[in-house]
Amino acid sequence: MSCKVKLKEQDVFFEIEENETVLEAALRQGHNLPYGCRNGLCGSCKAIVVTGDITYPDGTPEGLSESDIKQDFALLCQAKTTGDLSIKVRTVETAADIKLRQFPCRVTTCEKLNKDVIRLILELPKTERLQFLAGQYIDILMRDGKRRSFSLANPPDKDQILELHIRYYDGGLFSEYAFKGLTEKALLRIEGPLGQFTLHESDRPIIMIAGGTGFAPVKSMIEYSLKNNDKRSIQLYWGARTKTDLYLDNTAIQWSIDNEHIKYIPVLSDIENLNGWTGKTGFVHNAVMEDHTDLSGHDVYACGPPPMINAIVESFPANGLDKERLYSDSFEFAAN
């Protein structure tokens, strides 16, 4: 039997199941409440219980003092309820609302997706979680003080196991090491979350454009929208040189098969080596404009190399796109 939780200041409700914590229920239904460790230690998820009763099946969490309890504070990452609740808590509306943090992490998977791209899976300590918004990135902190930025490819509910897509560049600041020296169980240090490339609430259809490993934050956004049952129309254009450069092509195809509101359009630019390709060819931004002579009713999210982003910024307004509805993240190459 489910109960209802009201966020008093926002005047919205969500349901909570019998075996869920308040925080788990909120995040599951797309309400971004602040949190840190999810273990009752840091106090980041503290909220005031206005009405209703909460319980802590594992005992009162360490991050809650006697003074907090007397003032009706609760730690939502541990709190459960068997009845309706009303709570007073702030929500995370923008990237600026999330605290920047550093973590040690361990490499658990280093999987080659094609000859130029690997999928790196990083695991945070069991007592830590990284709260982030879909589309954001992290910095890997190098021993010489330098840092390398990579978008998170996993949705925000996967906050202890982080997925990165890393392309090999000859002389790349981190990619040389990732491809030639990095092994499973290696230790890294990261900082995040970073970036303003995040989903915005809207009733307009969405066009997402990925260039190369710009697919990573797009993957995070789409998986987040599916998790939260967002039915806005999404057309995903993924631009690459060759078919093998669409390194998670089957994932994108499956999204379109399973969801009527998602359409996947891959675009290849190496027209001399198409090998029977029957899909769209040329530059991905031109493919979008060929399909959409009027972009005035859309939101556009684009992530990829600077030439692609620059071309979109310069050309899309001519097809009616409001510049305020263009959200982009330009991947810069960092050499040693």
C-alpha atoms as a PDB file:
ATOM      1  CA  MET A   1       0.000   0.000   0.000  1.00  0.00           C
ATOM      2  CA  SER A   2       1.436   3.349  -1.063  1.00  0.00           C
ATOM      3  CA  CYS A   3       1.170   6.648   0.794  1.00  0.00           C
ATOM      4  CA  LYS A   4       1.502  10.241  -0.351  1.00  0.00           C
ATOM      5  CA  VAL A   5       4.253  12.702   0.486  1.00  0.00           C
ATOM      6  CA  LYS A   6       3.657  16.423   0.011  1.00  0.00           C
ATOM      7  CA  LEU A   7       6.493  18.836  -0.644  1.00  0.00           C
ATOM      8  CA  LYS A   8       4.899  21.698   1.227  1.00  0.00           C
ATOM      9  CA  GLU A   9       6.737  24.679  -0.250  1.00  0.00           C
ATOM     10  CA  GLN A  10       6.454  23.385  -3.822  1.00  0.00           C
ATOM     11  CA  ASP A  11       2.833  22.220  -3.321  1.00  0.00           C
ATOM     12  CA  VAL A  12       3.419  18.920  -5.138  1.00  0.00           C
ATOM     13  CA  PHE A  13       2.812  15.296  -4.161  1.00  0.00           C
ATOM     14  CA  PHE A  14       4.515  11.983  -4.869  1.00  0.00           C
ATOM     15  CA  GLU A  15       3.791   8.415  -3.802  1.00  0.00           C
ATOM     16  CA  ILE A  16       5.963   6.326  -1.526  1.00  0.00           C
ATOM     17  CA  GLU A  17       5.868   2.547  -1.364  1.00  0.00           C
ATOM     18  CA  GLU A  18       6.082   0.599   1.881  1.00  0.00           C
ATOM     19  CA  ASN A  19       9.724  -0.464   1.480  1.00  0.00           C
ATOM     20  CA  GLU A  20      11.073   2.842   0.126  1.00  0.00           C
ATOM     21  CA  THR A  21      12.811   5.696   1.858  1.00  0.00           C
ATOM     22  CA  VAL A  22      11.359   9.143   1.256  1.00  0.00           C
ATOM     23  CA  LEU A  23      14.420  10.091  -0.797  1.00  0.00           C
ATOM     24  CA  GLU A  24      14.223   6.982  -2.982  1.00  0.00           C
ATOM     25  CA  ALA A  25      10.557   7.637  -3.735  1.00  0.00           C
ATOM     26  CA  ALA A  26      11.200  11.287  -4.565  1.00  0.00           C
ATOM     27  CA  LEU A  27      14.101  10.592  -6.927  1.00  0.00           C
ATOM     28  CA  ARG A  28      12.220   7.744  -8.605  1.00  0.00           C
ATOM     29  CA  GLN A  29       9.451  10.160  -9.550  1.00  0.00           C
ATOM     30  CA  GLY A  30      11.676  12.973 -10.786  1.00  0.00           C
ATOM     31  CA  HIS A  31      11.765  15.207  -7.686  1.00  0.00           C
ATOM     32  CA  ASN A  32      15.378  16.284  -7.246  1.00  0.00           C
ATOM     33  CA  LEU A  33      15.862  16.599  -3.516  1.00  0.00           C
ATOM     34  CA  PRO A  34      19.356  17.330  -2.168  1.00  0.00           C
ATOM     35  CA  TYR A  35      21.456  14.464  -0.821  1.00  0.00           C
ATOM     36  CA  GLY A  36      25.023  13.350  -0.396  1.00  0.00           C
ATOM     37  CA  CYS A  37      26.020   9.976   1.025  1.00  0.00           C
ATOM     38  CA  ARG A  38      22.596   8.226   1.146  1.00  0.00           C
ATOM     39  CA  ASN A  39      23.834   6.529   4.340  1.00  0.00           C
ATOM     40  CA  GLY A  40      22.514   8.896   7.003  1.00  0.00           C
ATOM     41  CA  LEU A  41      25.909  10.393   7.754  1.00  0.00           C
ATOM     42  CA  CYS A  42      26.319  13.701   5.936  1.00  0.00           C
ATOM     43  CA  GLY A  43      22.982  15.399   6.705  1.00  0.00           C
ATOM     44  CA  SER A  44      22.572  16.814   3.174  1.00  0.00           C
ATOM     45  CA  CYS A  45      19.047  15.402   2.826  1.00  0.00           C
ATOM     46  CA  LYS A  46      17.734  16.977   6.040  1.00  0.00           C
ATOM     47  CA  ALA A  47      14.078  18.107   5.932  1.00  0.00           C
ATOM     48  CA  ILE A  48      11.402  19.252   8.369  1.00  0.00           C
ATOM     49  CA  VAL A  49       8.469  16.890   8.911  1.00  0.00           C
ATOM     50  CA  VAL A  50       5.394  19.151   9.017  1.00  0.00           C
ATOM     51  CA  THR A  51       2.758  16.435   9.418  1.00  0.00           C
ATOM     52  CA  GLY A  52       2.907  12.661   9.638  1.00  0.00           C
ATOM     53  CA  ASP A  53       5.287  10.177  11.229  1.00  0.00           C
ATOM     54  CA  ILE A  54       8.564   8.715   9.988  1.00  0.00           C
ATOM     55  CA  THR A  55      10.549   5.714  11.179  1.00  0.00           C
ATOM     56  CA  TYR A  56      14.157   4.592  10.887  1.00  0.00           C
ATOM     57  CA  PRO A  57      14.179   0.772  10.582  1.00  0.00           C
ATOM     58  CA  ASP A  58      17.966   0.676  11.010  1.00  0.00           C
ATOM     59  CA  GLY A  59      17.998   3.061  13.968  1.00  0.00           C
ATOM     60  CA  THR A  60      18.394   6.821  14.226  1.00  0.00           C
ATOM     61  CA  PRO A  61      21.001   7.898  11.636  1.00  0.00           C
ATOM     62  CA  GLU A  62      24.301   9.314  12.840  1.00  0.00           C
ATOM     63  CA  GLY A  63      23.791  12.530  10.885  1.00  0.00           C
ATOM     64  CA  LEU A  64      20.745  13.473  12.983  1.00  0.00           C
ATOM     65  CA  SER A  65      21.352  15.105  16.365  1.00  0.00           C
ATOM     66  CA  GLU A  66      19.024  15.236  19.368  1.00  0.00           C
ATOM     67  CA  SER A  67      18.491  18.925  18.636  1.00  0.00           C
ATOM     68  CA  ASP A  68      17.501  18.068  15.043  1.00  0.00           C
ATOM     69  CA  ILE A  69      14.939  15.541  16.263  1.00  0.00           C
ATOM     70  CA  LYS A  70      13.390  18.048  18.678  1.00  0.00           C
ATOM     71  CA  GLN A  71      13.005  20.493  15.776  1.00  0.00           C
ATOM     72  CA  ASP A  72      11.225  17.808  13.683  1.00  0.00           C
ATOM     73  CA  PHE A  73      14.099  17.350  11.241  1.00  0.00           C
ATOM     74  CA  ALA A  74      14.455  14.028   9.424  1.00  0.00           C
ATOM     75  CA  LEU A  75      17.076  12.531   7.130  1.00  0.00           C
ATOM     76  CA  LEU A  76      15.146  11.525   4.028  1.00  0.00           C
ATOM     77  CA  CYS A  77      17.713   8.987   2.820  1.00  0.00           C
ATOM     78  CA  GLN A  78      16.869   6.782   5.829  1.00  0.00           C
ATOM     79  CA  ALA A  79      13.308   7.853   6.686  1.00  0.00           C
ATOM     80  CA  LYS A  80      10.355   5.596   5.900  1.00  0.00           C
ATOM     81  CA  THR A  81       6.651   5.976   6.631  1.00  0.00           C
ATOM     82  CA  THR A  82       3.439   3.984   6.818  1.00  0.00           C
ATOM     83  CA  GLY A  83       1.192   7.039   6.408  1.00  0.00           C
ATOM     84  CA  ASP A  84       0.906  10.288   4.499  1.00  0.00           C
ATOM     85  CA  LEU A  85       3.580  12.934   5.071  1.00  0.00           C
ATOM     86  CA  SER A  86       4.065  16.626   4.551  1.00  0.00           C
ATOM     87  CA  ILE A  87       7.662  17.807   4.536  1.00  0.00           C
ATOM     88  CA  LYS A  88       9.501  21.088   4.095  1.00  0.00           C
ATOM     89  CA  VAL A  89      12.645  20.764   1.971  1.00  0.00           C
ATOM     90  CA  ARG A  90      14.357  22.645  -0.833  1.00  0.00           C
ATOM     91  CA  THR A  91      14.590  21.083  -4.279  1.00  0.00           C
ATOM     92  CA  VAL A  92      17.497  20.965  -6.694  1.00  0.00           C
ATOM     93  CA  GLU A  93      16.395  23.093  -9.648  1.00  0.00           C
ATOM     94  CA  THR A  94      19.706  23.881 -11.368  1.00  0.00           C
ATOM     95  CA  ALA A  95      23.291  22.662 -11.452  1.00  0.00           C
ATOM     96  CA  ALA A  96      24.210  25.506  -9.085  1.00  0.00           C
ATOM     97  CA  ASP A  97      22.082  23.877  -6.365  1.00  0.00           C
ATOM     98  CA  ILE A  98      24.400  20.847  -6.152  1.00  0.00           C
ATOM     99  CA  LYS A  99      27.576  20.994  -4.094  1.00  0.00           C
ATOM    100  CA  LEU A 100      30.838  20.350  -5.950  1.00  0.00           C
ATOM    101  CA  ARG A 101      32.713  17.446  -4.336  1.00  0.00           C
ATOM    102  CA  GLN A 102      35.819  15.306  -4.794  1.00  0.00           C
ATOM    103  CA  PHE A 103      35.849  11.498  -4.517  1.00  0.00           C
ATOM    104  CA  PRO A 104      38.268   8.637  -4.842  1.00  0.00           C
ATOM    105  CA  CYS A 105      36.955   5.946  -7.154  1.00  0.00           C
ATOM    106  CA  ARG A 106      37.950   2.556  -8.503  1.00  0.00           C
ATOM    107  CA  VAL A 107      37.878   1.390 -12.123  1.00  0.00           C
ATOM    108  CA  THR A 108      35.618  -1.670 -12.324  1.00  0.00           C
ATOM    109  CA  THR A 109      35.248  -1.953 -16.118  1.00  0.00           C
ATOM    110  CA  CYS A 110      37.378  -0.822 -19.052  1.00  0.00           C
ATOM    111  CA  GLU A 111      35.443  -2.046 -22.094  1.00  0.00           C
ATOM    112  CA  LYS A 112      36.452  -1.372 -25.696  1.00  0.00           C
ATOM    113  CA  LEU A 113      33.324  -0.353 -27.657  1.00  0.00           C
ATOM    114  CA  ASN A 114      35.203   0.080 -30.936  1.00  0.00           C
ATOM    115  CA  LYS A 115      38.823   0.709 -31.900  1.00  0.00           C
ATOM    116  CA  ASP A 116      38.653   4.349 -30.738  1.00  0.00           C
ATOM    117  CA  VAL A 117      36.180   4.386 -27.797  1.00  0.00           C
ATOM    118  CA  ILE A 118      36.176   2.688 -24.419  1.00  0.00           C
ATOM    119  CA  ARG A 119      33.483   2.573 -21.769  1.00  0.00           C
ATOM    120  CA  LEU A 120      34.960   3.255 -18.347  1.00  0.00           C
ATOM    121  CA  ILE A 121      32.931   2.289 -15.264  1.00  0.00           C
ATOM    122  CA  LEU A 122      33.980   3.934 -12.003  1.00  0.00           C
ATOM    123  CA  GLU A 123      32.756   2.898  -8.566  1.00  0.00           C
ATOM    124  CA  LEU A 124      32.611   5.355  -5.687  1.00  0.00           C
ATOM    125  CA  PRO A 125      33.202   4.233  -2.085  1.00  0.00           C
ATOM    126  CA  LYS A 126      30.220   2.407  -0.586  1.00  0.00           C
ATOM    127  CA  THR A 127      29.506   5.343   1.720  1.00  0.00           C
ATOM    128  CA  GLU A 128      29.479   7.975  -1.046  1.00  0.00           C
ATOM    129  CA  ARG A 129      27.088   9.056  -3.800  1.00  0.00           C
ATOM    130  CA  LEU A 130      27.423  11.661  -6.544  1.00  0.00           C
ATOM    131  CA  GLN A 131      24.278  13.695  -6.979  1.00  0.00           C
ATOM    132  CA  PHE A 132      24.137  15.171 -10.472  1.00  0.00           C
ATOM    133  CA  LEU A 133      21.743  16.239 -13.213  1.00  0.00           C
ATOM    134  CA  ALA A 134      21.466  14.355 -16.500  1.00  0.00           C
ATOM    135  CA  GLY A 135      23.919  15.888 -18.970  1.00  0.00           C
ATOM    136  CA  GLN A 136      26.568  17.008 -16.470  1.00  0.00           C
ATOM    137  CA  TYR A 137      30.206  15.920 -16.427  1.00  0.00           C
ATOM    138  CA  ILE A 138      33.031  15.161 -14.010  1.00  0.00           C
ATOM    139  CA  ASP A 139      36.731  16.003 -14.004  1.00  0.00           C
ATOM    140  CA  ILE A 140      39.334  13.290 -13.575  1.00  0.00           C
ATOM    141  CA  LEU A 141      42.109  14.789 -11.452  1.00  0.00           C
ATOM    142  CA  MET A 142      45.573  13.914 -12.723  1.00  0.00           C
ATOM    143  CA  ARG A 143      48.609  13.518 -10.503  1.00  0.00           C
ATOM    144  CA  ASP A 144      50.366  16.508 -12.095  1.00  0.00           C
ATOM    145  CA  GLY A 145      47.469  18.782 -11.156  1.00  0.00           C
ATOM    146  CA  LYS A 146      45.897  18.741 -14.596  1.00  0.00           C
ATOM    147  CA  ARG A 147      42.341  17.556 -15.143  1.00  0.00           C
ATOM    148  CA  ARG A 148      40.319  15.985 -17.939  1.00  0.00           C
ATOM    149  CA  SER A 149      36.552  16.372 -18.331  1.00  0.00           C
ATOM    150  CA  PHE A 150      34.166  13.554 -19.300  1.00  0.00           C
ATOM    151  CA  SER A 151      30.379  13.558 -19.504  1.00  0.00           C
ATOM    152  CA  LEU A 152      28.442  11.090 -17.383  1.00  0.00           C
ATOM    153  CA  ALA A 153      26.642   8.571 -19.593  1.00  0.00           C
ATOM    154  CA  ASN A 154      24.544   7.010 -16.822  1.00  0.00           C
ATOM    155  CA  PRO A 155      21.271   8.495 -15.517  1.00  0.00           C
ATOM    156  CA  PRO A 156      21.313  10.331 -12.147  1.00  0.00           C
ATOM    157  CA  ASP A 157      19.712   7.481 -10.195  1.00  0.00           C
ATOM    158  CA  LYS A 158      22.883   5.430 -10.841  1.00  0.00           C
ATOM    159  CA  ASP A 159      24.859   7.599  -8.452  1.00  0.00           C
ATOM    160  CA  GLN A 160      27.532   5.222  -7.157  1.00  0.00           C
ATOM    161  CA  ILE A 161      28.527   3.529 -10.433  1.00  0.00           C
ATOM    162  CA  LEU A 162      29.564   6.122 -13.041  1.00  0.00           C
ATOM    163  CA  GLU A 163      29.837   5.505 -16.797  1.00  0.00           C
ATOM    164  CA  LEU A 164      32.216   7.451 -19.067  1.00  0.00           C
ATOM    165  CA  HIS A 165      32.802   7.168 -22.835  1.00  0.00           C
ATOM    166  CA  ILE A 166      36.414   7.961 -23.719  1.00  0.00           C
ATOM    167  CA  ARG A 167      37.690   8.462 -27.261  1.00  0.00           C
ATOM    168  CA  TYR A 168      41.333   7.850 -28.079  1.00  0.00           C
ATOM    169  CA  TYR A 169      43.328  10.859 -29.240  1.00  0.00           C
ATOM    170  CA  ASP A 170      47.003  10.611 -30.145  1.00  0.00           C
ATOM    171  CA  GLY A 171      48.647  12.680 -27.414  1.00  0.00           C
ATOM    172  CA  GLY A 172      45.429  12.955 -25.404  1.00  0.00           C
ATOM    173  CA  LEU A 173      45.894  14.162 -21.829  1.00  0.00           C
ATOM    174  CA  PHE A 174      44.018  11.195 -20.343  1.00  0.00           C
ATOM    175  CA  SER A 175      43.019   9.009 -23.294  1.00  0.00           C
ATOM    176  CA  GLU A 176      46.593   7.766 -23.907  1.00  0.00           C
ATOM    177  CA  TYR A 177      46.662   6.430 -20.362  1.00  0.00           C
ATOM    178  CA  ALA A 178      43.083   5.119 -20.520  1.00  0.00           C
ATOM    179  CA  PHE A 179      43.816   3.039 -23.635  1.00  0.00           C
ATOM    180  CA  LYS A 180      47.373   1.941 -22.899  1.00  0.00           C
ATOM    181  CA  GLY A 181      47.917   1.904 -19.140  1.00  0.00           C
ATOM    182  CA  LEU A 182      44.644   1.936 -17.232  1.00  0.00           C
ATOM    183  CA  THR A 183      43.545  -1.385 -15.749  1.00  0.00           C
ATOM    184  CA  GLU A 184      40.586  -2.594 -13.745  1.00  0.00           C
ATOM    185  CA  LYS A 185      40.862  -1.908  -9.989  1.00  0.00           C
ATOM    186  CA  ALA A 186      43.003   1.176 -10.681  1.00  0.00           C
ATOM    187  CA  LEU A 187      42.305   4.131  -8.390  1.00  0.00           C
ATOM    188  CA  LEU A 188      41.369   7.570  -9.715  1.00  0.00           C
ATOM    189  CA  ARG A 189      40.208  10.807  -8.156  1.00  0.00           C
ATOM    190  CA  ILE A 190      37.292  12.791  -9.582  1.00  0.00           C
ATOM    191  CA  GLU A 191      35.525  16.085  -8.971  1.00  0.00           C
ATOM    192  CA  GLY A 192      31.936  16.887  -9.842  1.00  0.00           C
ATOM    193  CA  PRO A 193      29.317  17.398 -10.873  1.00  0.00           C
ATOM    194  CA  LEU A 194      30.124  20.146 -13.368  1.00  0.00           C
ATOM    195  CA  GLY A 195      28.434  21.820 -16.315  1.00  0.00           C
ATOM    196  CA  GLN A 196      25.197  23.546 -17.270  1.00  0.00           C
ATOM    197  CA  PHE A 197      24.199  21.179 -20.106  1.00  0.00           C
ATOM    198  CA  THR A 198      21.073  19.771 -18.448  1.00  0.00           C
ATOM    199  CA  LEU A 199      17.447  19.041 -19.329  1.00  0.00           C
ATOM    200  CA  HIS A 200      14.941  21.876 -19.028  1.00  0.00           C
ATOM    201  CA  GLU A 201      11.228  21.548 -18.361  1.00  0.00           C
ATOM    202  CA  SER A 202       9.163  22.285 -21.457  1.00  0.00           C
ATOM    203  CA  ASP A 203       6.149  21.076 -23.428  1.00  0.00           C
ATOM    204  CA  ARG A 204       8.031  21.410 -26.744  1.00  0.00           C
ATOM    205  CA  PRO A 205       9.390  18.428 -28.724  1.00  0.00           C
ATOM    206  CA  ILE A 206      13.116  17.802 -28.348  1.00  0.00           C
ATOM    207  CA  ILE A 207      15.844  17.390 -30.958  1.00  0.00           C
ATOM    208  CA  MET A 208      19.045  15.878 -29.555  1.00  0.00           C
ATOM    209  CA  ILE A 209      22.234  15.979 -31.618  1.00  0.00           C
ATOM    210  CA  ALA A 210      25.307  13.967 -30.679  1.00  0.00           C
ATOM    211  CA  GLY A 211      28.661  14.073 -32.402  1.00  0.00           C
ATOM    212  CA  GLY A 212      30.946  11.133 -31.597  1.00  0.00           C
ATOM    213  CA  THR A 213      31.217  10.633 -27.824  1.00  0.00           C
ATOM    214  CA  GLY A 214      28.794  13.527 -27.409  1.00  0.00           C
ATOM    215  CA  PHE A 215      26.418  10.572 -27.250  1.00  0.00           C
ATOM    216  CA  ALA A 216      27.371  10.103 -23.568  1.00  0.00           C
ATOM    217  CA  PRO A 217      25.385  12.988 -21.989  1.00  0.00           C
ATOM    218  CA  VAL A 218      22.554  12.408 -24.474  1.00  0.00           C
ATOM    219  CA  LYS A 219      22.364   8.814 -23.226  1.00  0.00           C
ATOM    220  CA  SER A 220      22.131  10.088 -19.656  1.00  0.00           C
ATOM    221  CA  MET A 221      19.331  12.510 -20.592  1.00  0.00           C
ATOM    222  CA  ILE A 222      17.283   9.956 -22.525  1.00  0.00           C
ATOM    223  CA  GLU A 223      17.598   7.278 -19.847  1.00  0.00           C
ATOM    224  CA  TYR A 224      16.616   9.860 -17.227  1.00  0.00           C
ATOM    225  CA  SER A 225      13.551  10.914 -19.235  1.00  0.00           C
ATOM    226  CA  LEU A 226      12.508   7.280 -19.678  1.00  0.00           C
ATOM    227  CA  LYS A 227      12.986   6.610 -15.965  1.00  0.00           C
ATOM    228  CA  ASN A 228      10.688   9.537 -15.181  1.00  0.00           C
ATOM    229  CA  ASN A 229       8.084   8.653 -17.823  1.00  0.00           C
ATOM    230  CA  ASP A 230       8.637  11.899 -19.732  1.00  0.00           C
ATOM    231  CA  LYS A 231       6.696  11.461 -22.981  1.00  0.00           C
ATOM    232  CA  ARG A 232       8.011  14.512 -24.826  1.00  0.00           C
ATOM    233  CA  SER A 233       8.910  13.652 -28.411  1.00  0.00           C
ATOM    234  CA  ILE A 234      12.659  13.086 -28.820  1.00  0.00           C
ATOM    235  CA  GLN A 235      14.435  12.897 -32.174  1.00  0.00           C
ATOM    236  CA  LEU A 236      18.025  11.766 -31.684  1.00  0.00           C
ATOM    237  CA  TYR A 237      20.503  12.539 -34.474  1.00  0.00           C
ATOM    238  CA  TRP A 238      23.877  10.867 -33.974  1.00  0.00           C
ATOM    239  CA  GLY A 239      26.624  12.023 -36.330  1.00  0.00           C
ATOM    240  CA  ALA A 240      29.700   9.888 -36.965  1.00  0.00           C
ATOM    241  CA  ARG A 241      32.203   9.171 -39.730  1.00  0.00           C
ATOM    242  CA  THR A 242      31.520   5.450 -40.206  1.00  0.00           C
ATOM    243  CA  LYS A 243      29.027   2.844 -39.007  1.00  0.00           C
ATOM    244  CA  THR A 244      31.477   1.461 -36.422  1.00  0.00           C
ATOM    245  CA  ASP A 245      31.800   4.951 -34.905  1.00  0.00           C
ATOM    246  CA  LEU A 246      28.175   4.590 -33.745  1.00  0.00           C
ATOM    247  CA  TYR A 247      29.587   2.600 -30.859  1.00  0.00           C
ATOM    248  CA  LEU A 248      26.275   2.011 -29.018  1.00  0.00           C
ATOM    249  CA  ASP A 249      24.046   1.959 -32.087  1.00  0.00           C
ATOM    250  CA  ASN A 250      21.975  -0.967 -30.766  1.00  0.00           C
ATOM    251  CA  THR A 251      21.156   0.957 -27.577  1.00  0.00           C
ATOM    252  CA  ALA A 252      19.742   3.880 -29.561  1.00  0.00           C
ATOM    253  CA  ILE A 253      17.861   1.535 -31.887  1.00  0.00           C
ATOM    254  CA  GLN A 254      16.290  -0.228 -28.898  1.00  0.00           C
ATOM    255  CA  TRP A 255      15.101   3.093 -27.431  1.00  0.00           C
ATOM    256  CA  SER A 256      13.224   3.802 -30.660  1.00  0.00           C
ATOM    257  CA  ILE A 257      11.752   0.287 -30.796  1.00  0.00           C
ATOM    258  CA  ASP A 258      10.522   0.358 -27.199  1.00  0.00           C
ATOM    259  CA  ASN A 259       9.244   3.959 -27.132  1.00  0.00           C
ATOM    260  CA  GLU A 260       6.939   5.523 -29.706  1.00  0.00           C
ATOM    261  CA  HIS A 261       8.025   9.054 -28.761  1.00  0.00           C
ATOM    262  CA  ILE A 262      11.717   8.411 -29.538  1.00  0.00           C
ATOM    263  CA  LYS A 263      13.086   8.422 -33.088  1.00  0.00           C
ATOM    264  CA  TYR A 264      16.721   7.635 -33.858  1.00  0.00           C
ATOM    265  CA  ILE A 265      18.425   9.061 -36.962  1.00  0.00           C
ATOM    266  CA  PRO A 266      22.108   8.132 -37.437  1.00  0.00           C
ATOM    267  CA  VAL A 267      24.092  10.238 -39.914  1.00  0.00           C
ATOM    268  CA  LEU A 268      27.437   9.220 -41.498  1.00  0.00           C
ATOM    269  CA  SER A 269      29.875  11.724 -42.979  1.00  0.00           C
ATOM    270  CA  ASP A 270      32.534   9.470 -44.579  1.00  0.00           C
ATOM    271  CA  ILE A 271      30.624   9.065 -47.832  1.00  0.00           C
ATOM    272  CA  GLU A 272      33.522   7.241 -49.567  1.00  0.00           C
ATOM    273  CA  ASN A 273      33.260   4.283 -47.184  1.00  0.00           C
ATOM    274  CA  LEU A 274      29.516   3.753 -46.702  1.00  0.00           C
ATOM    275  CA  ASN A 275      29.537   0.010 -47.551  1.00  0.00           C
ATOM    276  CA  GLY A 276      25.849  -0.327 -48.339  1.00  0.00           C
ATOM    277  CA  TRP A 277      24.680   2.345 -45.895  1.00  0.00           C
ATOM    278  CA  THR A 278      21.109   3.456 -46.704  1.00  0.00           C
ATOM    279  CA  GLY A 279      20.662   6.047 -43.952  1.00  0.00           C
ATOM    280  CA  LYS A 280      21.395   9.768 -43.928  1.00  0.00           C
ATOM    281  CA  THR A 281      24.796  11.051 -44.988  1.00  0.00           C
ATOM    282  CA  GLY A 282      26.762  14.278 -44.667  1.00  0.00           C
ATOM    283  CA  PHE A 283      27.132  16.563 -41.667  1.00  0.00           C
ATOM    284  CA  VAL A 284      24.660  15.904 -38.871  1.00  0.00           C
ATOM    285  CA  HIS A 285      23.548  19.551 -38.490  1.00  0.00           C
ATOM    286  CA  ASN A 286      22.617  19.647 -42.200  1.00  0.00           C
ATOM    287  CA  ALA A 287      20.574  16.468 -41.776  1.00  0.00           C
ATOM    288  CA  VAL A 288      18.583  18.131 -39.003  1.00  0.00           C
ATOM    289  CA  MET A 289      17.889  21.222 -41.090  1.00  0.00           C
ATOM    290  CA  GLU A 290      16.830  19.101 -44.076  1.00  0.00           C
ATOM    291  CA  ASP A 291      14.228  17.405 -41.864  1.00  0.00           C
ATOM    292  CA  HIS A 292      13.196  20.581 -40.017  1.00  0.00           C
ATOM    293  CA  THR A 293      12.871  23.700 -42.135  1.00  0.00           C
ATOM    294  CA  ASP A 294      11.046  25.281 -39.179  1.00  0.00           C
ATOM    295  CA  LEU A 295      12.681  24.750 -35.758  1.00  0.00           C
ATOM    296  CA  SER A 296      10.674  27.429 -33.976  1.00  0.00           C
ATOM    297  CA  GLY A 297       8.639  24.924 -31.954  1.00  0.00           C
ATOM    298  CA  HIS A 298      11.547  22.792 -30.723  1.00  0.00           C
ATOM    299  CA  ASP A 299      14.122  22.591 -27.950  1.00  0.00           C
ATOM    300  CA  VAL A 300      17.547  21.545 -29.243  1.00  0.00           C
ATOM    301  CA  TYR A 301      20.254  19.814 -27.196  1.00  0.00           C
ATOM    302  CA  ALA A 302      23.618  19.371 -28.918  1.00  0.00           C
ATOM    303  CA  CYS A 303      26.872  17.865 -27.686  1.00  0.00           C
ATOM    304  CA  GLY A 304      30.003  17.118 -29.654  1.00  0.00           C
ATOM    305  CA  PRO A 305      33.147  18.617 -31.222  1.00  0.00           C
ATOM    306  CA  PRO A 306      33.477  22.414 -31.556  1.00  0.00           C
ATOM    307  CA  PRO A 307      32.991  22.521 -35.365  1.00  0.00           C
ATOM    308  CA  MET A 308      29.616  20.762 -35.008  1.00  0.00           C
ATOM    309  CA  ILE A 309      28.445  23.029 -32.179  1.00  0.00           C
ATOM    310  CA  ASN A 310      29.618  26.157 -34.013  1.00  0.00           C
ATOM    311  CA  ALA A 311      27.762  25.104 -37.156  1.00  0.00           C
ATOM    312  CA  ILE A 312      24.555  24.544 -35.173  1.00  0.00           C
ATOM    313  CA  VAL A 313      24.822  27.886 -33.363  1.00  0.00           C
ATOM    314  CA  GLU A 314      25.389  29.711 -36.649  1.00  0.00           C
ATOM    315  CA  SER A 315      22.829  27.936 -38.848  1.00  0.00           C
ATOM    316  CA  PHE A 316      19.838  26.820 -36.763  1.00  0.00           C
ATOM    317  CA  PRO A 317      18.441  30.313 -36.009  1.00  0.00           C
ATOM    318  CA  ALA A 318      17.983  30.719 -39.781  1.00  0.00           C
ATOM    319  CA  ASN A 319      15.521  27.814 -39.551  1.00  0.00           C
ATOM    320  CA  GLY A 320      13.578  29.557 -36.811  1.00  0.00           C
ATOM    321  CA  LEU A 321      15.215  28.187 -33.658  1.00  0.00           C
ATOM    322  CA  ASP A 322      15.036  30.536 -30.676  1.00  0.00           C
ATOM    323  CA  LYS A 323      18.624  30.835 -29.356  1.00  0.00           C
ATOM    324  CA  GLU A 324      17.243  30.573 -25.826  1.00  0.00           C
ATOM    325  CA  ARG A 325      16.078  27.042 -26.659  1.00  0.00           C
ATOM    326  CA  LEU A 326      19.463  25.824 -27.851  1.00  0.00           C
ATOM    327  CA  TYR A 327      21.428  24.017 -25.140  1.00  0.00           C
ATOM    328  CA  SER A 328      24.923  22.852 -26.070  1.00  0.00           C
ATOM    329  CA  ASP A 329      28.147  21.364 -24.749  1.00  0.00           C
ATOM    330  CA  SER A 330      31.290  21.606 -26.859  1.00  0.00           C
ATOM    331  CA  PHE A 331      33.908  18.876 -26.385  1.00  0.00           C
ATOM    332  CA  GLU A 332      37.403  20.355 -26.418  1.00  0.00           C
ATOM    333  CA  PHE A 333      40.482  18.186 -27.030  1.00  0.00           C
ATOM    334  CA  ALA A 334      43.081  18.326 -24.244  1.00  0.00           C
ATOM    335  CA  ALA A 335      46.601  17.378 -25.330  1.00  0.00           C
ATOM    336  CA  ASN A 336      49.606  16.595 -23.164  1.00  0.00           C
END
